[in-house]
Each structure stands twice: as C-alpha cells, then as structure tokens.
Amino acid sequence: MSASTWSLQDAKNRFSAVVDAAQRGEPQWVTRRGKPVSVVISAETFERLQQLERASAPSFTDVLLNLPQDDEPFERLPLQQRDVEF
C-alpha cells in the first residue's frame, strides 16, 4: 500500500483519481503550500479506524470507577486565576 501526495489544486482537478486510489487502499495526502493538510482514505479504512478508536477509549463508567476511592490527598495542577471584570 503506497501513498501519493497531491497539491490541493491538483487534488481538486483530479478528484476522481484521488478517490479511486483511496478506494484501492492507498492513502492520498493533500498539501497546501507544500505542507500536509489532509489525507483521503477509503470509507472502509475510516470505519475500521473509528472502531479501533471506540474500542480503545475507556467508557464513562470505567473513568468513574477508576477515580480515587479514598480521602487521600492528590496533587493539584498549579492554576493561575484569570482576571474577570464585572
């Protein structure tokens, strides 16, 4: 599986070719002013990535159950109060 790189203008002009290559499983990088700004991938690849992300993310219940269950002190992040005008 190889990836191709397209300038934004070329990707617009040859959008069908970009999509066809993505459907074949070849990620298509799009650049703007020489810097990568997006990748076109197949819907199948996107769905697979979404499923992996959902599977690896903890559920809200897991987060709650992993909170400290005791009254032990915990380290607080140093925060600076912001100025508020009334």
C-alpha atoms as a PDB file:
ATOM      1  CA  MET A   1       0.000   0.000   0.000  1.00  0.00           C
ATOM      2  CA  SER A   2       1.669   3.201  -1.125  1.00  0.00           C
ATOM      3  CA  ALA A   3       0.637   6.776  -0.507  1.00  0.00           C
ATOM      4  CA  SER A   4       0.625   9.582  -3.038  1.00  0.00           C
ATOM      5  CA  THR A   5       0.895  13.300  -2.380  1.00  0.00           C
ATOM      6  CA  TRP A   6      -1.181  15.884  -4.232  1.00  0.00           C
ATOM      7  CA  SER A   7      -1.182  19.655  -4.077  1.00  0.00           C
ATOM      8  CA  LEU A   8      -4.631  20.956  -3.200  1.00  0.00           C
ATOM      9  CA  GLN A   9      -5.136  22.322  -6.712  1.00  0.00           C
ATOM     10  CA  ASP A  10      -4.107  19.009  -8.320  1.00  0.00           C
ATOM     11  CA  ALA A  11      -6.349  17.092  -5.917  1.00  0.00           C
ATOM     12  CA  LYS A  12      -9.281  19.311  -6.901  1.00  0.00           C
ATOM     13  CA  ASN A  13      -8.559  18.905 -10.595  1.00  0.00           C
ATOM     14  CA  ARG A  14      -8.116  15.121 -10.348  1.00  0.00           C
ATOM     15  CA  PHE A  15     -10.514  14.359  -7.506  1.00  0.00           C
ATOM     16  CA  SER A  16     -11.808  11.168  -9.149  1.00  0.00           C
ATOM     17  CA  ALA A  17      -8.247   9.816  -9.354  1.00  0.00           C
ATOM     18  CA  VAL A  18      -7.637  10.729  -5.702  1.00  0.00           C
ATOM     19  CA  VAL A  19     -10.819   8.921  -4.613  1.00  0.00           C
ATOM     20  CA  ASP A  20     -10.118   5.899  -6.835  1.00  0.00           C
ATOM     21  CA  ALA A  21      -6.647   5.490  -5.323  1.00  0.00           C
ATOM     22  CA  ALA A  22      -8.054   5.841  -1.798  1.00  0.00           C
ATOM     23  CA  GLN A  23     -10.641   3.145  -2.583  1.00  0.00           C
ATOM     24  CA  ARG A  24      -7.805   0.840  -3.633  1.00  0.00           C
ATOM     25  CA  GLY A  25      -6.374   1.248  -0.122  1.00  0.00           C
ATOM     26  CA  GLU A  26      -3.753   3.867  -0.991  1.00  0.00           C
ATOM     27  CA  PRO A  27      -3.960   6.883   1.355  1.00  0.00           C
ATOM     28  CA  GLN A  28      -3.757  10.138  -0.615  1.00  0.00           C
ATOM     29  CA  TRP A  29      -2.009  13.058   1.093  1.00  0.00           C
ATOM     30  CA  VAL A  30      -3.130  16.566   0.162  1.00  0.00           C
ATOM     31  CA  THR A  31      -0.844  19.543   0.694  1.00  0.00           C
ATOM     32  CA  ARG A  32      -1.419  23.281   0.778  1.00  0.00           C
ATOM     33  CA  ARG A  33       1.596  25.482   0.119  1.00  0.00           C
ATOM     34  CA  GLY A  34       3.786  22.388   0.448  1.00  0.00           C
ATOM     35  CA  LYS A  35       2.511  21.380   3.906  1.00  0.00           C
ATOM     36  CA  PRO A  36       0.333  18.298   4.523  1.00  0.00           C
ATOM     37  CA  VAL A  37      -3.220  19.336   5.426  1.00  0.00           C
ATOM     38  CA  SER A  38      -5.336  16.206   4.917  1.00  0.00           C
ATOM     39  CA  VAL A  39      -5.406  12.580   3.901  1.00  0.00           C
ATOM     40  CA  VAL A  40      -8.077  10.978   1.731  1.00  0.00           C
ATOM     41  CA  ILE A  41      -8.779   7.377   2.764  1.00  0.00           C
ATOM     42  CA  SER A  42     -11.446   4.854   1.836  1.00  0.00           C
ATOM     43  CA  ALA A  43     -14.702   4.710   3.791  1.00  0.00           C
ATOM     44  CA  GLU A  44     -13.780   1.149   4.802  1.00  0.00           C
ATOM     45  CA  THR A  45     -10.467   2.310   6.294  1.00  0.00           C
ATOM     46  CA  PHE A  46     -12.188   5.199   8.055  1.00  0.00           C
ATOM     47  CA  GLU A  47     -14.785   2.867   9.623  1.00  0.00           C
ATOM     48  CA  ARG A  48     -12.052   0.482  10.764  1.00  0.00           C
ATOM     49  CA  LEU A  49     -10.148   3.356  12.390  1.00  0.00           C
ATOM     50  CA  GLN A  50     -13.338   4.586  14.067  1.00  0.00           C
ATOM     51  CA  GLN A  51     -13.979   1.114  15.509  1.00  0.00           C
ATOM     52  CA  LEU A  52     -10.410   0.896  16.815  1.00  0.00           C
ATOM     53  CA  GLU A  53     -10.748   4.295  18.447  1.00  0.00           C
ATOM     54  CA  ARG A  54     -14.045   3.371  20.098  1.00  0.00           C
ATOM     55  CA  ALA A  55     -12.602   0.052  21.297  1.00  0.00           C
ATOM     56  CA  SER A  56      -9.557   1.686  22.880  1.00  0.00           C
ATOM     57  CA  ALA A  57     -11.374   4.594  24.552  1.00  0.00           C
ATOM     58  CA  PRO A  58     -12.472   3.977  28.142  1.00  0.00           C
ATOM     59  CA  SER A  59     -16.184   4.203  28.822  1.00  0.00           C
ATOM     60  CA  PHE A  60     -17.562   6.874  31.124  1.00  0.00           C
ATOM     61  CA  THR A  61     -18.284   4.129  33.663  1.00  0.00           C
ATOM     62  CA  ASP A  62     -14.643   2.988  33.538  1.00  0.00           C
ATOM     63  CA  VAL A  63     -13.465   6.535  34.138  1.00  0.00           C
ATOM     64  CA  LEU A  64     -15.759   6.933  37.142  1.00  0.00           C
ATOM     65  CA  LEU A  65     -14.769   3.567  38.595  1.00  0.00           C
ATOM     66  CA  ASN A  66     -11.076   4.460  38.295  1.00  0.00           C
ATOM     67  CA  LEU A  67     -11.404   7.647  40.315  1.00  0.00           C
ATOM     68  CA  PRO A  68      -9.683   7.514  43.721  1.00  0.00           C
ATOM     69  CA  GLN A  69     -11.978   5.816  46.241  1.00  0.00           C
ATOM     70  CA  ASP A  70     -10.359   7.209  49.369  1.00  0.00           C
ATOM     71  CA  ASP A  71      -9.881  10.565  51.032  1.00  0.00           C
ATOM     72  CA  GLU A  72      -6.158  10.643  50.345  1.00  0.00           C
ATOM     73  CA  PRO A  73      -4.842  13.982  49.124  1.00  0.00           C
ATOM     74  CA  PHE A  74      -3.996  14.277  45.467  1.00  0.00           C
ATOM     75  CA  GLU A  75      -1.672  16.528  43.565  1.00  0.00           C
ATOM     76  CA  ARG A  76      -3.377  19.585  42.124  1.00  0.00           C
ATOM     77  CA  LEU A  77      -2.192  21.237  38.972  1.00  0.00           C
ATOM     78  CA  PRO A  78      -0.938  24.758  39.527  1.00  0.00           C
ATOM     79  CA  LEU A  79      -3.544  27.041  38.013  1.00  0.00           C
ATOM     80  CA  GLN A  80      -3.453  30.777  37.595  1.00  0.00           C
ATOM     81  CA  GLN A  81      -6.720  32.586  38.097  1.00  0.00           C
ATOM     82  CA  ARG A  82      -7.842  34.767  35.272  1.00  0.00           C
ATOM     83  CA  ASP A  83      -8.897  38.365  35.657  1.00  0.00           C
ATOM     84  CA  VAL A  84     -12.634  38.902  35.488  1.00  0.00           C
ATOM     85  CA  GLU A  85     -14.304  42.259  35.119  1.00  0.00           C
ATOM     86  CA  PHE A  86     -17.792  42.844  36.447  1.00  0.00           C
END
